[in-house]
Protein backbone atom coordinates (compact mmCIF):
# COMPACT_ATOMS: atom_id res chain seq x y z
CA UNK A 1 163.97 17.81 86.36
CA UNK A 2 162.58 15.13 88.65
CA UNK A 3 159.28 17.00 88.83
CA UNK A 4 159.11 17.04 85.04
CA UNK A 5 159.72 13.28 84.82
CA UNK A 6 157.12 12.66 87.53
CA UNK A 7 154.55 14.82 85.71
CA UNK A 8 155.17 13.11 82.35
CA UNK A 9 155.05 9.63 83.87
CA UNK A 10 151.84 10.38 85.80
CA UNK A 11 150.23 11.82 82.65
CA UNK A 12 151.33 8.74 80.67
CA UNK A 13 149.91 6.42 83.35
CA UNK A 14 146.61 8.34 83.29
CA UNK A 15 146.45 8.07 79.47
CA UNK A 16 147.14 4.33 79.65
CA UNK A 17 144.41 3.73 82.24
CA UNK A 18 141.92 5.88 80.30
CA UNK A 19 142.74 3.96 77.09
CA UNK A 20 142.16 0.61 78.81
CA UNK A 21 138.84 1.81 80.24
CA UNK A 22 137.70 3.08 76.82
CA UNK A 23 138.67 -0.21 75.15
CA UNK A 24 136.69 -2.23 77.71
CA UNK A 25 133.70 0.13 77.40
CA UNK A 26 133.79 -0.14 73.61
CA UNK A 27 133.62 -3.94 73.81
CA UNK A 28 130.97 -3.96 76.55
CA UNK A 29 128.61 -1.38 75.06
CA UNK A 30 129.01 -2.27 71.40
CA UNK A 31 125.86 -1.66 69.39
CA UNK A 32 125.44 -3.77 66.30
CA UNK A 33 123.06 -3.04 63.45
CA UNK A 34 120.08 -5.22 62.74
CA UNK A 35 121.35 -8.19 60.71
CA UNK A 36 117.97 -8.48 58.96
CA UNK A 37 118.34 -4.91 57.64
CA UNK A 38 121.77 -5.79 56.24
CA UNK A 39 120.42 -8.93 54.54
CA UNK A 40 117.47 -7.09 52.98
CA UNK A 41 119.72 -4.23 51.87
CA UNK A 42 122.05 -6.74 50.18
CA UNK A 43 119.10 -8.04 48.11
CA UNK A 44 118.05 -4.58 46.90
CA UNK A 45 119.50 -3.22 43.61
CA UNK A 46 121.17 -0.19 45.29
CA UNK A 47 119.81 2.26 42.73
CA UNK A 48 118.85 4.78 45.45
CA UNK A 49 116.06 5.93 43.11
CA UNK A 50 113.37 6.61 45.71
CA UNK A 51 110.60 4.89 43.72
CA UNK A 52 109.71 2.88 46.84
CA UNK A 53 108.83 6.05 48.74
CA UNK A 54 112.04 6.05 50.80
CA UNK A 55 115.19 8.10 50.10
CA UNK A 56 117.29 5.04 49.33
CA UNK A 57 117.68 1.30 49.58
CA UNK A 58 118.94 1.24 53.19
CA UNK A 59 115.97 3.23 54.61
CA UNK A 60 113.59 0.97 52.66
CA UNK A 61 115.37 -2.11 54.07
CA UNK A 62 114.98 -0.69 57.59
CA UNK A 63 111.27 -0.06 56.99
CA UNK A 64 110.73 -3.59 55.67
CA UNK A 65 112.65 -5.16 58.57
CA UNK A 66 110.62 -3.20 61.12
CA UNK A 67 107.32 -4.03 59.41
CA UNK A 68 106.54 -0.43 58.38
CA UNK A 69 106.69 -1.23 54.64
CA UNK A 70 105.65 -4.18 52.52
CA UNK A 71 108.08 -6.24 50.47
CA UNK A 72 106.61 -5.15 47.13
CA UNK A 73 107.71 -1.52 46.76
CA UNK A 74 111.05 -1.93 44.95
CA UNK A 75 110.28 -1.26 41.29
CA UNK A 76 113.84 -1.63 39.90
CA UNK A 77 114.32 -4.92 41.78
CA UNK A 78 111.11 -6.27 40.34
CA UNK A 79 109.48 -9.55 41.09
CA UNK A 80 112.70 -11.46 41.73
CA UNK A 81 113.79 -9.10 44.51
CA UNK A 82 110.31 -9.08 46.02
CA UNK A 83 110.27 -12.90 46.12
CA UNK A 84 113.73 -13.02 47.72
CA UNK A 85 112.79 -10.49 50.41
CA UNK A 86 109.48 -12.27 51.12
CA UNK A 87 111.35 -15.57 51.47
CA UNK A 88 113.93 -13.99 53.78
CA UNK A 89 111.25 -12.35 55.93
CA UNK A 90 109.03 -15.45 55.95
CA UNK A 91 106.00 -13.53 54.66
CA UNK A 92 103.65 -14.14 51.77
CA UNK A 93 104.76 -12.61 48.44
CA UNK A 94 102.58 -9.80 47.17
CA UNK A 95 101.99 -8.47 43.71
CA UNK A 96 104.31 -5.63 42.77
CA UNK A 97 103.13 -2.15 43.68
CA UNK A 98 103.82 -0.99 40.13
CA UNK A 99 103.69 -3.14 37.06
CA UNK A 100 107.18 -4.12 36.03
CA UNK A 101 108.12 -2.44 32.79
CA UNK A 102 110.86 -3.10 30.31
CA UNK A 103 114.20 -1.67 31.49
CA UNK A 104 114.65 1.91 30.40
CA UNK A 105 117.69 4.10 29.83
CA UNK A 106 117.95 7.88 29.87
CA UNK A 107 119.26 9.48 26.68
CA UNK A 108 120.21 13.16 26.46
CA UNK A 109 119.88 14.85 23.07
CA UNK A 110 123.19 16.69 23.36
CA UNK A 111 122.48 19.23 20.61
CA UNK A 112 119.55 20.54 22.69
CA UNK A 113 121.27 20.39 26.11
CA UNK A 114 122.02 23.80 27.65
CA UNK A 115 124.32 22.47 30.39
CA UNK A 116 122.19 23.52 33.37
CA UNK A 117 123.35 20.50 35.49
CA UNK A 118 119.86 19.98 36.97
CA UNK A 119 119.78 16.43 35.62
CA UNK A 120 123.17 15.70 37.21
CA UNK A 121 121.88 16.83 40.59
CA UNK A 122 118.72 14.71 40.22
CA UNK A 123 120.48 11.48 39.24
CA UNK A 124 120.73 9.23 42.32
CA UNK A 125 123.46 6.98 40.85
CA UNK A 126 125.71 9.60 39.19
CA UNK A 127 125.06 8.19 35.72
CA UNK A 128 125.07 11.63 34.05
CA UNK A 129 128.34 13.41 33.34
CA UNK A 130 128.99 16.92 32.11
CA UNK A 131 129.95 20.37 33.26
CA UNK A 132 128.06 23.65 33.61
CA UNK A 133 127.23 25.16 30.21
CA UNK A 134 128.57 22.03 28.48
CA UNK A 135 126.82 19.06 26.94
CA UNK A 136 125.79 16.25 29.26
CA UNK A 137 125.65 12.55 28.53
CA UNK A 138 124.47 9.39 30.25
CA UNK A 139 126.75 6.50 31.22
CA UNK A 140 124.53 3.66 30.03
CA UNK A 141 126.02 1.02 32.32
CA UNK A 142 125.18 3.09 35.41
CA UNK A 143 121.71 4.36 34.44
CA UNK A 144 118.90 2.56 36.28
CA UNK A 145 116.05 4.08 34.27
CA UNK A 146 114.46 5.71 37.31
CA UNK A 147 113.30 8.77 35.25
CA UNK A 148 114.25 11.20 38.06
CA UNK A 149 116.34 13.25 35.61
CA UNK A 150 113.51 13.88 33.14
CA UNK A 151 111.35 16.29 35.15
CA UNK A 152 114.02 18.82 36.21
CA UNK A 153 115.28 19.30 32.63
CA UNK A 154 114.12 22.80 31.58
CA UNK A 155 114.50 22.17 27.82
CA UNK A 156 113.01 18.65 27.81
CA UNK A 157 115.99 17.09 26.05
CA UNK A 158 116.00 13.78 27.95
CA UNK A 159 114.28 10.75 26.46
CA UNK A 160 113.70 7.41 28.12
CA UNK A 161 114.60 4.65 25.68
CA UNK A 162 114.21 0.90 25.90
CA UNK A 163 117.47 -0.45 27.33
CA UNK A 164 119.05 -2.96 24.96
CA UNK A 165 119.59 -6.37 26.50
CA UNK A 166 123.27 -7.05 25.94
CA UNK A 167 124.67 -10.55 26.07
CA UNK A 168 127.04 -9.70 28.94
CA UNK A 169 124.10 -8.56 31.12
CA UNK A 170 121.74 -11.35 30.19
CA UNK A 171 120.79 -14.09 32.65
CA UNK A 172 118.30 -16.91 32.62
CA UNK A 173 115.06 -15.63 34.14
CA UNK A 174 113.29 -17.61 36.82
CA UNK A 175 110.37 -19.57 35.34
CA UNK A 176 106.84 -18.21 35.76
CA UNK A 177 107.96 -14.65 36.54
CA UNK A 178 107.18 -11.36 34.89
CA UNK A 179 110.73 -11.20 33.52
CA UNK A 180 110.36 -14.63 31.90
CA UNK A 181 107.10 -13.56 30.23
CA UNK A 182 108.68 -10.27 29.10
CA UNK A 183 111.63 -12.17 27.62
CA UNK A 184 109.27 -14.52 25.77
CA UNK A 185 107.39 -11.52 24.33
CA UNK A 186 110.67 -9.92 23.19
CA UNK A 187 111.83 -13.13 21.51
CA UNK A 188 108.52 -13.49 19.69
CA UNK A 189 108.69 -9.86 18.53
CA UNK A 190 112.23 -10.36 17.21
CA UNK A 191 111.22 -13.57 15.47
CA UNK A 192 108.26 -11.80 13.87
CA UNK A 193 110.43 -8.89 12.68
CA UNK A 194 113.02 -11.16 11.06
């Protein structure tokens, strides 16, 4: 019995010493991420659409922080995001890589949908819901308008529509930006139609 107690106590002492050594090593060799990457990633819209040429917002933030990519590749973020990233990085703003367009929204014509689920697999933000061999639909609040779901659709039943600007999503645009000019054009069109 005394041998058993000695074995258990020596094993417990070994585990305690190993735990202390691992705790000290974890504190001493701690590797932190680049804080600039985290700041840039926080400015990006998190659509994970890949329009910037990278598989998601975090890889694009890493490329911008390391100097591999310019600040003007985020199409969904638009001019405002580009200006914020340029200010954070301390570099000159550049014109957007692609011309900012009006916000779009995917719309699935459900009567033509065959339920193949290819659009669900292509959607980077899980904005499309449905089941195999069932109708699919788009959750409008989650759709970023990236158009990645349009090409894989075998029956071409997905349309990209102009996203309505709802009052709960509206914000004052910064002056002298593309969004401000787009808003002015929309207001003049609505005034002309009335």
